[in-house]
Amino acid sequence: MPKEKAVPFTTIVYAHPYEKSFNHAVLQRVRQLLDGKGEPYRIIDLYADGFNPAYTKEELALFNQGRALDPLVQEYQRILRETRRLIFIFPVWWADVPAIVKGFEDKVFLKTLTYEETPMRRLVGKLTHIREAVALSTSTAPTWYLKYFCGDTVNKAMLNHTLKAVGVGSRKWVNFGNISQSTAAQRQAFLEKLERYI
């Protein structure tokens, strides 16, 4: 029998350890929207999976070969091969992505899978089948403060450097700032607004 072709799907990379967080509400809303559209998706729940974002010396020894020892990393890479859209959900901590998200980038986006180096040390991304990425985040700081006084890290480093370098298509950051001072009505309005991006 001929081998069935894999159906491309959306991959949600979720990074929050607390089920009663607003990030979890964002995850549930994204799932609701994808289910409503009948779109297939997978969830990578970094905390629930017990993902270790730190490299071991054994793993770093294989870095230049683009190889991974961690079975979770290997599974995440397999998922990425069939992903057409990436949705990240995480809190902004100290004006940046959490360490577990940075570790996902460090350990999963290895060369041979996600990029090649030219002789002039330029990166050529290989994840061009991922047409878009959306980063959905929350922060205690206002979004404008993160953008104009904290270096705009999510946009500049994560989306427009790392994800661009590995070949991901369009990229967008959507943040809910001032969360600690927000009202229930404001949080609900943000959840409803997500329909524009999903």
N, C-alpha and C. Protein backbone atom coordinates (compact mmCIF):
# COMPACT_ATOMS: atom_id res chain seq x y z
N MET A 1 0.84 -1.20 0.00
CA MET A 1 0.00 0.00 0.00
C MET A 1 0.87 1.25 0.00
N PRO A 2 0.47 2.29 -0.75
CA PRO A 2 1.25 3.53 -0.73
C PRO A 2 1.17 4.19 0.64
N LYS A 3 2.26 4.83 1.01
CA LYS A 3 2.31 5.51 2.30
C LYS A 3 1.46 6.77 2.25
N GLU A 4 0.61 6.95 3.30
CA GLU A 4 -0.23 8.13 3.34
C GLU A 4 0.63 9.37 3.60
N LYS A 5 0.28 10.44 2.89
CA LYS A 5 0.99 11.69 3.08
C LYS A 5 0.51 12.36 4.36
N ALA A 6 1.47 12.86 5.17
CA ALA A 6 1.12 13.51 6.42
C ALA A 6 0.34 14.80 6.15
N VAL A 7 -0.69 15.04 6.96
CA VAL A 7 -1.48 16.26 6.86
C VAL A 7 -0.80 17.34 7.69
N PRO A 8 -0.43 18.47 7.08
CA PRO A 8 0.22 19.53 7.87
C PRO A 8 -0.74 20.11 8.90
N PHE A 9 -0.21 20.47 10.05
CA PHE A 9 -1.07 20.96 11.11
C PHE A 9 -0.43 22.16 11.80
N THR A 10 -1.23 22.80 12.66
CA THR A 10 -0.74 23.87 13.51
C THR A 10 -0.13 23.25 14.77
N THR A 11 1.01 23.77 15.18
CA THR A 11 1.64 23.33 16.41
C THR A 11 1.60 24.47 17.43
N ILE A 12 1.05 24.16 18.61
CA ILE A 12 1.03 25.12 19.71
C ILE A 12 2.16 24.75 20.68
N VAL A 13 3.05 25.70 20.92
CA VAL A 13 4.11 25.51 21.91
C VAL A 13 3.69 26.29 23.15
N TYR A 14 3.29 25.56 24.18
CA TYR A 14 2.73 26.17 25.38
C TYR A 14 3.74 26.13 26.52
N ALA A 15 3.92 27.27 27.19
CA ALA A 15 4.96 27.34 28.22
C ALA A 15 4.44 28.06 29.46
N HIS A 16 3.68 27.35 30.26
CA HIS A 16 3.28 27.87 31.57
C HIS A 16 2.96 26.70 32.48
N PRO A 17 3.46 26.73 33.73
CA PRO A 17 3.28 25.58 34.61
C PRO A 17 1.98 25.55 35.40
N TYR A 18 1.19 26.65 35.35
CA TYR A 18 0.05 26.78 36.24
C TYR A 18 -1.27 26.73 35.46
N GLU A 19 -2.12 25.78 35.78
CA GLU A 19 -3.35 25.58 35.02
C GLU A 19 -4.40 26.67 35.23
N LYS A 20 -4.24 27.48 36.28
CA LYS A 20 -5.21 28.55 36.52
C LYS A 20 -4.70 29.91 36.05
N SER A 21 -3.62 29.90 35.30
CA SER A 21 -3.07 31.15 34.78
C SER A 21 -3.89 31.65 33.60
N PHE A 22 -3.71 32.93 33.28
CA PHE A 22 -4.38 33.48 32.10
C PHE A 22 -3.78 32.88 30.83
N ASN A 23 -2.51 32.49 30.88
CA ASN A 23 -1.91 31.81 29.74
C ASN A 23 -2.68 30.53 29.41
N HIS A 24 -3.13 29.83 30.44
CA HIS A 24 -3.91 28.62 30.21
C HIS A 24 -5.25 28.96 29.57
N ALA A 25 -5.85 30.08 29.97
CA ALA A 25 -7.09 30.53 29.33
C ALA A 25 -6.85 30.85 27.86
N VAL A 26 -5.69 31.44 27.56
CA VAL A 26 -5.33 31.71 26.16
C VAL A 26 -5.21 30.40 25.39
N LEU A 27 -4.55 29.42 25.99
CA LEU A 27 -4.43 28.11 25.34
C LEU A 27 -5.80 27.52 25.04
N GLN A 28 -6.70 27.55 26.01
CA GLN A 28 -8.03 26.99 25.82
C GLN A 28 -8.79 27.73 24.72
N ARG A 29 -8.62 29.04 24.66
CA ARG A 29 -9.29 29.83 23.61
C ARG A 29 -8.73 29.49 22.23
N VAL A 30 -7.42 29.34 22.13
CA VAL A 30 -6.82 28.98 20.85
C VAL A 30 -7.32 27.61 20.40
N ARG A 31 -7.38 26.67 21.32
CA ARG A 31 -7.91 25.34 20.99
C ARG A 31 -9.36 25.43 20.51
N GLN A 32 -10.14 26.24 21.20
CA GLN A 32 -11.55 26.43 20.82
C GLN A 32 -11.66 26.97 19.40
N LEU A 33 -10.83 27.96 19.08
CA LEU A 33 -10.88 28.56 17.74
C LEU A 33 -10.45 27.56 16.67
N LEU A 34 -9.40 26.80 16.93
CA LEU A 34 -8.94 25.81 15.95
C LEU A 34 -9.97 24.69 15.78
N ASP A 35 -10.55 24.24 16.89
CA ASP A 35 -11.60 23.22 16.81
C ASP A 35 -12.78 23.72 16.00
N GLY A 36 -13.15 24.99 16.22
CA GLY A 36 -14.28 25.57 15.50
C GLY A 36 -14.05 25.64 14.00
N LYS A 37 -12.81 25.76 13.59
CA LYS A 37 -12.47 25.81 12.17
C LYS A 37 -12.15 24.43 11.60
N GLY A 38 -12.15 23.44 12.47
CA GLY A 38 -11.82 22.09 12.01
C GLY A 38 -10.38 21.94 11.59
N GLU A 39 -9.49 22.75 12.19
CA GLU A 39 -8.08 22.70 11.82
C GLU A 39 -7.32 21.73 12.74
N PRO A 40 -6.57 20.80 12.18
CA PRO A 40 -5.78 19.89 13.01
C PRO A 40 -4.64 20.62 13.70
N TYR A 41 -4.35 20.21 14.94
CA TYR A 41 -3.26 20.85 15.67
C TYR A 41 -2.65 19.87 16.66
N ARG A 42 -1.44 20.18 17.06
CA ARG A 42 -0.72 19.44 18.10
C ARG A 42 -0.32 20.44 19.17
N ILE A 43 -0.23 19.98 20.41
CA ILE A 43 0.23 20.83 21.50
C ILE A 43 1.53 20.27 22.07
N ILE A 44 2.53 21.11 22.10
CA ILE A 44 3.77 20.81 22.82
C ILE A 44 3.68 21.57 24.13
N ASP A 45 3.44 20.86 25.22
CA ASP A 45 3.32 21.47 26.54
C ASP A 45 4.65 21.26 27.26
N LEU A 46 5.50 22.27 27.20
CA LEU A 46 6.88 22.12 27.65
C LEU A 46 7.00 21.73 29.12
N TYR A 47 6.20 22.35 29.96
CA TYR A 47 6.28 22.01 31.39
C TYR A 47 5.70 20.63 31.66
N ALA A 48 4.55 20.33 31.09
CA ALA A 48 3.93 19.02 31.31
C ALA A 48 4.81 17.90 30.78
N ASP A 49 5.55 18.18 29.70
CA ASP A 49 6.45 17.18 29.13
C ASP A 49 7.72 16.98 29.96
N GLY A 50 7.98 17.91 30.87
CA GLY A 50 9.23 17.83 31.64
C GLY A 50 10.44 18.20 30.80
N PHE A 51 10.25 19.08 29.82
CA PHE A 51 11.35 19.47 28.93
C PHE A 51 12.45 20.18 29.72
N ASN A 52 13.70 19.77 29.49
CA ASN A 52 14.85 20.40 30.12
C ASN A 52 15.48 21.37 29.12
N PRO A 53 15.39 22.69 29.39
CA PRO A 53 15.91 23.66 28.43
C PRO A 53 17.43 23.81 28.43
N ALA A 54 18.10 23.22 29.42
CA ALA A 54 19.55 23.38 29.54
C ALA A 54 20.28 22.28 28.79
N TYR A 55 21.35 22.67 28.11
CA TYR A 55 22.20 21.70 27.43
C TYR A 55 23.06 20.92 28.43
N THR A 56 23.29 19.66 28.14
CA THR A 56 24.33 18.90 28.84
C THR A 56 25.60 18.97 27.98
N LYS A 57 26.73 18.59 28.56
CA LYS A 57 27.96 18.61 27.78
C LYS A 57 27.92 17.57 26.66
N GLU A 58 27.20 16.47 26.91
CA GLU A 58 27.08 15.43 25.88
C GLU A 58 26.28 15.95 24.68
N GLU A 59 25.23 16.72 24.98
CA GLU A 59 24.42 17.28 23.89
C GLU A 59 25.21 18.33 23.11
N LEU A 60 25.94 19.18 23.82
CA LEU A 60 26.72 20.21 23.14
C LEU A 60 27.81 19.61 22.27
N ALA A 61 28.30 18.45 22.64
CA ALA A 61 29.33 17.79 21.84
C ALA A 61 28.81 17.41 20.46
N LEU A 62 27.48 17.28 20.33
CA LEU A 62 26.87 16.91 19.05
C LEU A 62 26.27 18.11 18.31
N PHE A 63 26.37 19.29 18.90
CA PHE A 63 25.71 20.47 18.34
C PHE A 63 26.13 20.75 16.90
N ASN A 64 27.44 20.70 16.64
CA ASN A 64 27.93 21.02 15.29
C ASN A 64 27.51 19.99 14.25
N GLN A 65 27.06 18.82 14.71
CA GLN A 65 26.56 17.80 13.78
C GLN A 65 25.06 17.92 13.58
N GLY A 66 24.41 18.82 14.34
CA GLY A 66 22.96 18.96 14.23
C GLY A 66 22.21 17.78 14.80
N ARG A 67 22.82 17.10 15.77
CA ARG A 67 22.20 15.91 16.35
C ARG A 67 21.72 16.17 17.76
N ALA A 68 20.67 15.44 18.17
CA ALA A 68 20.09 15.59 19.50
C ALA A 68 20.05 14.25 20.20
N LEU A 69 20.29 14.27 21.52
CA LEU A 69 20.20 13.06 22.33
C LEU A 69 18.85 12.95 23.04
N ASP A 70 18.28 14.09 23.39
CA ASP A 70 17.04 14.13 24.16
C ASP A 70 15.87 13.60 23.32
N PRO A 71 15.20 12.52 23.77
CA PRO A 71 14.05 11.99 23.01
C PRO A 71 12.94 13.01 22.80
N LEU A 72 12.76 13.94 23.77
CA LEU A 72 11.76 14.98 23.59
C LEU A 72 12.12 15.91 22.44
N VAL A 73 13.39 16.28 22.37
CA VAL A 73 13.85 17.13 21.27
C VAL A 73 13.61 16.42 19.94
N GLN A 74 13.93 15.16 19.87
CA GLN A 74 13.72 14.39 18.64
C GLN A 74 12.24 14.35 18.25
N GLU A 75 11.37 14.21 19.27
CA GLU A 75 9.93 14.20 19.00
C GLU A 75 9.45 15.58 18.55
N TYR A 76 9.93 16.63 19.18
CA TYR A 76 9.56 17.99 18.77
C TYR A 76 10.03 18.27 17.34
N GLN A 77 11.19 17.80 16.99
CA GLN A 77 11.68 17.99 15.63
C GLN A 77 10.81 17.25 14.62
N ARG A 78 10.37 16.05 14.99
CA ARG A 78 9.47 15.31 14.11
C ARG A 78 8.17 16.09 13.90
N ILE A 79 7.65 16.69 14.95
CA ILE A 79 6.43 17.49 14.85
C ILE A 79 6.65 18.69 13.94
N LEU A 80 7.80 19.35 14.09
CA LEU A 80 8.07 20.53 13.27
C LEU A 80 8.11 20.21 11.79
N ARG A 81 8.54 19.01 11.45
CA ARG A 81 8.60 18.63 10.03
C ARG A 81 7.22 18.64 9.37
N GLU A 82 6.17 18.50 10.19
CA GLU A 82 4.80 18.43 9.66
C GLU A 82 3.98 19.66 10.02
N THR A 83 4.64 20.68 10.54
CA THR A 83 3.93 21.89 11.01
C THR A 83 3.82 22.92 9.91
N ARG A 84 2.64 23.50 9.80
CA ARG A 84 2.46 24.59 8.82
C ARG A 84 2.35 25.95 9.50
N ARG A 85 1.99 25.94 10.80
CA ARG A 85 1.88 27.19 11.55
C ARG A 85 2.29 26.93 13.00
N LEU A 86 3.02 27.88 13.57
CA LEU A 86 3.46 27.78 14.96
C LEU A 86 2.75 28.84 15.79
N ILE A 87 2.21 28.42 16.93
CA ILE A 87 1.62 29.36 17.88
C ILE A 87 2.33 29.16 19.22
N PHE A 88 3.02 30.18 19.67
CA PHE A 88 3.67 30.14 20.98
C PHE A 88 2.78 30.85 22.00
N ILE A 89 2.65 30.27 23.19
CA ILE A 89 1.90 30.89 24.28
C ILE A 89 2.79 30.87 25.51
N PHE A 90 3.10 32.06 26.05
CA PHE A 90 4.02 32.13 27.18
C PHE A 90 3.88 33.47 27.91
N PRO A 91 4.32 33.53 29.17
CA PRO A 91 4.40 34.81 29.87
C PRO A 91 5.73 35.49 29.57
N VAL A 92 5.73 36.80 29.56
CA VAL A 92 6.98 37.54 29.43
C VAL A 92 7.54 37.74 30.84
N TRP A 93 8.77 37.25 31.06
CA TRP A 93 9.43 37.38 32.36
C TRP A 93 10.72 38.17 32.17
N TRP A 94 10.89 39.23 32.95
CA TRP A 94 12.05 40.10 32.83
C TRP A 94 12.27 40.55 31.39
N ALA A 95 11.16 40.97 30.76
CA ALA A 95 11.18 41.56 29.41
C ALA A 95 11.63 40.58 28.33
N ASP A 96 11.54 39.29 28.60
CA ASP A 96 12.03 38.31 27.64
C ASP A 96 11.17 37.04 27.72
N VAL A 97 11.43 36.13 26.81
CA VAL A 97 10.72 34.84 26.85
C VAL A 97 11.25 34.03 28.03
N PRO A 98 10.45 33.14 28.60
CA PRO A 98 10.94 32.28 29.69
C PRO A 98 12.09 31.39 29.20
N ALA A 99 12.91 30.96 30.15
CA ALA A 99 14.07 30.12 29.81
C ALA A 99 13.66 28.85 29.08
N ILE A 100 12.49 28.32 29.41
CA ILE A 100 12.07 27.06 28.79
C ILE A 100 11.75 27.26 27.30
N VAL A 101 11.29 28.46 26.93
CA VAL A 101 11.05 28.77 25.52
C VAL A 101 12.37 28.99 24.79
N LYS A 102 13.28 29.72 25.43
CA LYS A 102 14.60 29.93 24.82
C LYS A 102 15.31 28.59 24.65
N GLY A 103 15.16 27.69 25.65
CA GLY A 103 15.76 26.37 25.54
C GLY A 103 15.17 25.55 24.42
N PHE A 104 13.86 25.73 24.18
CA PHE A 104 13.22 25.06 23.04
C PHE A 104 13.89 25.50 21.74
N GLU A 105 14.09 26.79 21.59
CA GLU A 105 14.77 27.29 20.39
C GLU A 105 16.20 26.75 20.31
N ASP A 106 16.93 26.82 21.42
CA ASP A 106 18.33 26.41 21.43
C ASP A 106 18.49 24.93 21.06
N LYS A 107 17.65 24.08 21.61
CA LYS A 107 17.86 22.63 21.49
C LYS A 107 17.12 21.99 20.32
N VAL A 108 16.03 22.62 19.87
CA VAL A 108 15.22 22.02 18.80
C VAL A 108 15.62 22.57 17.43
N PHE A 109 15.94 23.86 17.36
CA PHE A 109 16.28 24.48 16.08
C PHE A 109 17.74 24.20 15.71
N LEU A 110 18.05 22.93 15.47
CA LEU A 110 19.40 22.54 15.13
C LEU A 110 19.63 22.57 13.62
N LYS A 111 20.87 22.78 13.24
CA LYS A 111 21.18 22.71 11.81
C LYS A 111 20.98 21.29 11.31
N THR A 112 20.84 21.16 10.05
CA THR A 112 20.42 19.98 9.29
C THR A 112 18.90 19.86 9.30
N LEU A 113 18.26 20.20 10.42
CA LEU A 113 16.79 20.21 10.44
C LEU A 113 16.25 21.58 10.08
N THR A 114 16.75 22.63 10.73
CA THR A 114 16.13 23.94 10.59
C THR A 114 16.93 24.95 9.76
N TYR A 115 18.22 24.70 9.56
CA TYR A 115 19.00 25.65 8.76
C TYR A 115 20.28 24.98 8.25
N GLU A 116 20.87 25.63 7.26
CA GLU A 116 22.19 25.25 6.76
C GLU A 116 23.07 26.50 6.80
N GLU A 117 24.36 26.28 6.92
CA GLU A 117 25.31 27.39 6.88
C GLU A 117 26.02 27.42 5.54
N THR A 118 26.09 28.59 4.94
CA THR A 118 26.83 28.74 3.70
C THR A 118 28.32 28.89 4.05
N PRO A 119 29.21 28.78 3.05
CA PRO A 119 30.64 28.98 3.33
C PRO A 119 30.95 30.35 3.94
N MET A 120 30.08 31.33 3.69
CA MET A 120 30.29 32.67 4.25
C MET A 120 29.60 32.83 5.60
N ARG A 121 29.18 31.71 6.21
CA ARG A 121 28.55 31.68 7.55
C ARG A 121 27.16 32.32 7.57
N ARG A 122 26.53 32.40 6.42
CA ARG A 122 25.15 32.89 6.39
C ARG A 122 24.21 31.71 6.59
N LEU A 123 23.13 31.95 7.36
CA LEU A 123 22.17 30.88 7.61
C LEU A 123 21.10 30.86 6.54
N VAL A 124 20.76 29.67 6.07
CA VAL A 124 19.67 29.49 5.13
C VAL A 124 18.63 28.61 5.83
N GLY A 125 17.48 29.20 6.11
CA GLY A 125 16.44 28.49 6.84
C GLY A 125 15.81 27.36 6.04
N LYS A 126 15.46 26.27 6.74
CA LYS A 126 14.87 25.11 6.08
C LYS A 126 13.43 24.84 6.50
N LEU A 127 12.90 25.67 7.42
CA LEU A 127 11.51 25.47 7.86
C LEU A 127 10.54 26.33 7.06
N THR A 128 10.77 26.42 5.78
CA THR A 128 9.95 27.29 4.93
C THR A 128 8.52 26.76 4.77
N HIS A 129 8.29 25.50 5.15
CA HIS A 129 6.93 24.97 5.10
C HIS A 129 6.07 25.51 6.24
N ILE A 130 6.71 26.14 7.25
CA ILE A 130 5.95 26.79 8.31
C ILE A 130 5.64 28.21 7.83
N ARG A 131 4.41 28.41 7.43
CA ARG A 131 4.04 29.65 6.76
C ARG A 131 3.95 30.85 7.70
N GLU A 132 3.62 30.59 8.97
CA GLU A 132 3.50 31.73 9.89
C GLU A 132 3.74 31.29 11.32
N ALA A 133 4.09 32.28 12.14
CA ALA A 133 4.24 32.06 13.58
C ALA A 133 3.58 33.21 14.31
N VAL A 134 2.86 32.88 15.36
CA VAL A 134 2.22 33.89 16.20
C VAL A 134 2.67 33.64 17.63
N ALA A 135 3.19 34.67 18.28
CA ALA A 135 3.57 34.58 19.68
C ALA A 135 2.52 35.31 20.51
N LEU A 136 1.82 34.57 21.36
CA LEU A 136 0.79 35.13 22.24
C LEU A 136 1.37 35.15 23.65
N SER A 137 1.44 36.33 24.25
CA SER A 137 2.09 36.42 25.55
C SER A 137 1.30 37.34 26.49
N THR A 138 1.70 37.27 27.76
CA THR A 138 1.16 38.14 28.79
C THR A 138 2.33 38.77 29.52
N SER A 139 2.10 39.93 30.10
CA SER A 139 3.17 40.60 30.84
C SER A 139 2.59 41.52 31.90
N THR A 140 3.32 41.71 32.98
CA THR A 140 2.90 42.69 33.97
C THR A 140 3.21 44.10 33.49
N ALA A 141 4.25 44.24 32.68
CA ALA A 141 4.59 45.55 32.11
C ALA A 141 3.67 45.85 30.92
N PRO A 142 3.41 47.13 30.66
CA PRO A 142 2.65 47.48 29.45
C PRO A 142 3.42 47.08 28.20
N THR A 143 2.71 46.74 27.15
CA THR A 143 3.35 46.31 25.90
C THR A 143 4.26 47.40 25.35
N TRP A 144 3.81 48.66 25.41
CA TRP A 144 4.63 49.75 24.87
C TRP A 144 5.96 49.86 25.63
N TYR A 145 5.95 49.56 26.92
CA TYR A 145 7.18 49.62 27.71
C TYR A 145 8.16 48.54 27.26
N LEU A 146 7.63 47.34 27.01
CA LEU A 146 8.48 46.25 26.53
C LEU A 146 9.09 46.59 25.17
N LYS A 147 8.29 47.23 24.34
CA LYS A 147 8.77 47.55 22.98
C LYS A 147 9.79 48.67 22.97
N TYR A 148 9.51 49.75 23.71
CA TYR A 148 10.33 50.96 23.56
C TYR A 148 11.38 51.16 24.64
N PHE A 149 11.27 50.46 25.76
CA PHE A 149 12.24 50.65 26.84
C PHE A 149 12.97 49.38 27.24
N CYS A 150 12.53 48.23 26.73
CA CYS A 150 13.15 46.96 27.13
C CYS A 150 13.73 46.20 25.95
N GLY A 151 13.86 46.86 24.81
CA GLY A 151 14.53 46.24 23.68
C GLY A 151 13.66 45.47 22.71
N ASP A 152 12.34 45.41 22.98
CA ASP A 152 11.42 44.72 22.05
C ASP A 152 11.93 43.30 21.74
N THR A 153 12.28 42.57 22.80
CA THR A 153 12.98 41.30 22.66
C THR A 153 12.20 40.24 21.89
N VAL A 154 10.91 40.15 22.16
CA VAL A 154 10.12 39.10 21.49
C VAL A 154 10.12 39.32 19.99
N ASN A 155 9.89 40.57 19.58
CA ASN A 155 9.91 40.87 18.14
C ASN A 155 11.31 40.73 17.54
N LYS A 156 12.28 41.38 18.18
CA LYS A 156 13.60 41.48 17.56
C LYS A 156 14.40 40.18 17.63
N ALA A 157 14.40 39.54 18.78
CA ALA A 157 15.23 38.34 18.94
C ALA A 157 14.50 37.07 18.52
N MET A 158 13.30 36.87 19.06
CA MET A 158 12.60 35.61 18.80
C MET A 158 12.03 35.54 17.38
N LEU A 159 11.19 36.54 17.05
CA LEU A 159 10.47 36.47 15.77
C LEU A 159 11.33 36.86 14.57
N ASN A 160 11.95 38.03 14.67
CA ASN A 160 12.62 38.57 13.48
C ASN A 160 14.10 38.24 13.37
N HIS A 161 14.59 37.46 14.33
CA HIS A 161 15.93 36.89 14.17
C HIS A 161 15.85 35.37 14.11
N THR A 162 15.50 34.74 15.24
CA THR A 162 15.56 33.28 15.29
C THR A 162 14.59 32.62 14.31
N LEU A 163 13.30 32.95 14.42
CA LEU A 163 12.33 32.29 13.55
C LEU A 163 12.52 32.66 12.08
N LYS A 164 12.90 33.89 11.83
CA LYS A 164 13.21 34.28 10.45
C LYS A 164 14.40 33.50 9.92
N ALA A 165 15.43 33.32 10.76
CA ALA A 165 16.65 32.64 10.33
C ALA A 165 16.39 31.19 9.96
N VAL A 166 15.43 30.54 10.62
CA VAL A 166 15.17 29.14 10.32
C VAL A 166 14.12 28.97 9.22
N GLY A 167 13.66 30.08 8.64
CA GLY A 167 12.82 30.00 7.45
C GLY A 167 11.33 30.18 7.64
N VAL A 168 10.90 30.47 8.88
CA VAL A 168 9.47 30.64 9.13
C VAL A 168 8.98 31.88 8.39
N GLY A 169 7.77 31.80 7.83
CA GLY A 169 7.21 32.89 7.02
C GLY A 169 6.81 34.10 7.86
N SER A 170 5.56 34.53 7.75
CA SER A 170 5.13 35.73 8.48
C SER A 170 5.16 35.47 9.98
N ARG A 171 5.44 36.54 10.75
CA ARG A 171 5.62 36.40 12.19
C ARG A 171 4.96 37.58 12.90
N LYS A 172 4.22 37.29 13.98
CA LYS A 172 3.50 38.35 14.69
C LYS A 172 3.52 38.10 16.19
N TRP A 173 3.65 39.19 16.97
CA TRP A 173 3.60 39.15 18.42
C TRP A 173 2.33 39.84 18.90
N VAL A 174 1.56 39.16 19.74
CA VAL A 174 0.34 39.72 20.33
C VAL A 174 0.48 39.57 21.85
N ASN A 175 0.56 40.70 22.55
CA ASN A 175 0.80 40.67 23.99
C ASN A 175 -0.35 41.31 24.75
N PHE A 176 -0.67 40.71 25.90
CA PHE A 176 -1.63 41.30 26.82
C PHE A 176 -0.84 41.87 28.00
N GLY A 177 -0.59 43.18 27.95
CA GLY A 177 0.20 43.84 28.98
C GLY A 177 -0.63 44.28 30.17
N ASN A 178 0.06 44.71 31.23
CA ASN A 178 -0.60 45.18 32.45
C ASN A 178 -1.53 44.13 33.04
N ILE A 179 -1.18 42.87 32.91
CA ILE A 179 -2.12 41.82 33.31
C ILE A 179 -2.47 41.87 34.79
N SER A 180 -1.52 42.26 35.63
CA SER A 180 -1.80 42.26 37.07
C SER A 180 -2.80 43.34 37.47
N GLN A 181 -3.00 44.32 36.60
CA GLN A 181 -3.97 45.39 36.87
C GLN A 181 -5.21 45.29 35.99
N SER A 182 -5.32 44.21 35.24
CA SER A 182 -6.43 44.09 34.29
C SER A 182 -7.71 43.65 34.97
N THR A 183 -8.83 43.95 34.32
CA THR A 183 -10.13 43.53 34.81
C THR A 183 -10.56 42.26 34.08
N ALA A 184 -11.57 41.60 34.62
CA ALA A 184 -12.10 40.40 33.96
C ALA A 184 -12.62 40.74 32.57
N ALA A 185 -13.22 41.92 32.43
CA ALA A 185 -13.75 42.33 31.13
C ALA A 185 -12.63 42.54 30.12
N GLN A 186 -11.51 43.10 30.56
CA GLN A 186 -10.36 43.30 29.66
C GLN A 186 -9.76 41.98 29.24
N ARG A 187 -9.66 41.05 30.17
CA ARG A 187 -9.11 39.74 29.82
C ARG A 187 -10.03 39.00 28.85
N GLN A 188 -11.32 39.11 29.06
CA GLN A 188 -12.26 38.47 28.14
C GLN A 188 -12.19 39.09 26.76
N ALA A 189 -12.04 40.42 26.72
CA ALA A 189 -11.92 41.10 25.42
C ALA A 189 -10.69 40.63 24.67
N PHE A 190 -9.59 40.40 25.39
CA PHE A 190 -8.37 39.91 24.74
C PHE A 190 -8.60 38.52 24.17
N LEU A 191 -9.26 37.66 24.93
CA LEU A 191 -9.54 36.31 24.44
C LEU A 191 -10.40 36.34 23.18
N GLU A 192 -11.37 37.23 23.16
CA GLU A 192 -12.24 37.34 21.98
C GLU A 192 -11.45 37.87 20.78
N LYS A 193 -10.51 38.78 21.05
CA LYS A 193 -9.71 39.37 19.97
C LYS A 193 -8.81 38.35 19.28
N LEU A 194 -8.51 37.25 19.96
CA LEU A 194 -7.60 36.26 19.38
C LEU A 194 -8.11 35.67 18.09
N GLU A 195 -9.40 35.76 17.85
CA GLU A 195 -9.96 35.23 16.60
C GLU A 195 -9.33 35.88 15.37
N ARG A 196 -8.84 37.11 15.52
CA ARG A 196 -8.20 37.80 14.41
C ARG A 196 -6.90 37.12 13.98
N TYR A 197 -6.27 36.43 14.91
CA TYR A 197 -4.91 35.92 14.66
C TYR A 197 -4.84 34.41 14.49
N ILE A 198 -5.93 33.72 14.80
CA ILE A 198 -5.89 32.26 14.77
C ILE A 198 -6.64 31.74 13.54
